Amino acid sequence: KDYGFNVKFMLMNSFSTSEDTLAFFAEKYPDLRAEEGLEMIQNKVPKLHATTFEPATCESDSSNEWCPPGHGDLYAALVGSGRLDALIEGGYKYMFVSNSDNLGATLDLKILTHFAQEDAPFMMECCARTENDKKGGHLAVRNSD
């Protein structure tokens, strides 16, 4: 509102987090919860047996055979759900993404301005990993780059 444009808030949930998340927003932020397209569900992938790499089985509850792929699924989920096309058709040009490991993340207009002025296709803020950062992926550079 302060800058005269609409910032859309979206969540990428999983099949196991969706219900609780939407209930929380319905109770605490009903106006936000009522927004069209608040949630996008990420894909699900089979869990693999640690030694054989075969799909894991759980006879007592087959839902335990699946897991969400995590924030690395963002692009596939955006495209596969049709959400990327809807955002582009709605006039959105930029996207700020933060995962739940960084709840203090905020949209910084200086970074957005730099991103827009450079006409960059992608920008990522990174920090050095510490001993506490054992979870999650890693950065990679393609040899062709």
Foldseek 3Di string as FASTA:
>chain_A
DVVPDDDQAAEAAEPVCVVVVLVVCCVPPVVNSPDPHRYFYFDKDFDADPPPRHQDQDVVDRVVRIDGPPPVRVVVRCVVVVVVVVCVVVVDDDDDDDDPVCPPDDDDVVVVVVCVVVVDPDDDDDDDDDPVPPDDDDDDDDPVD
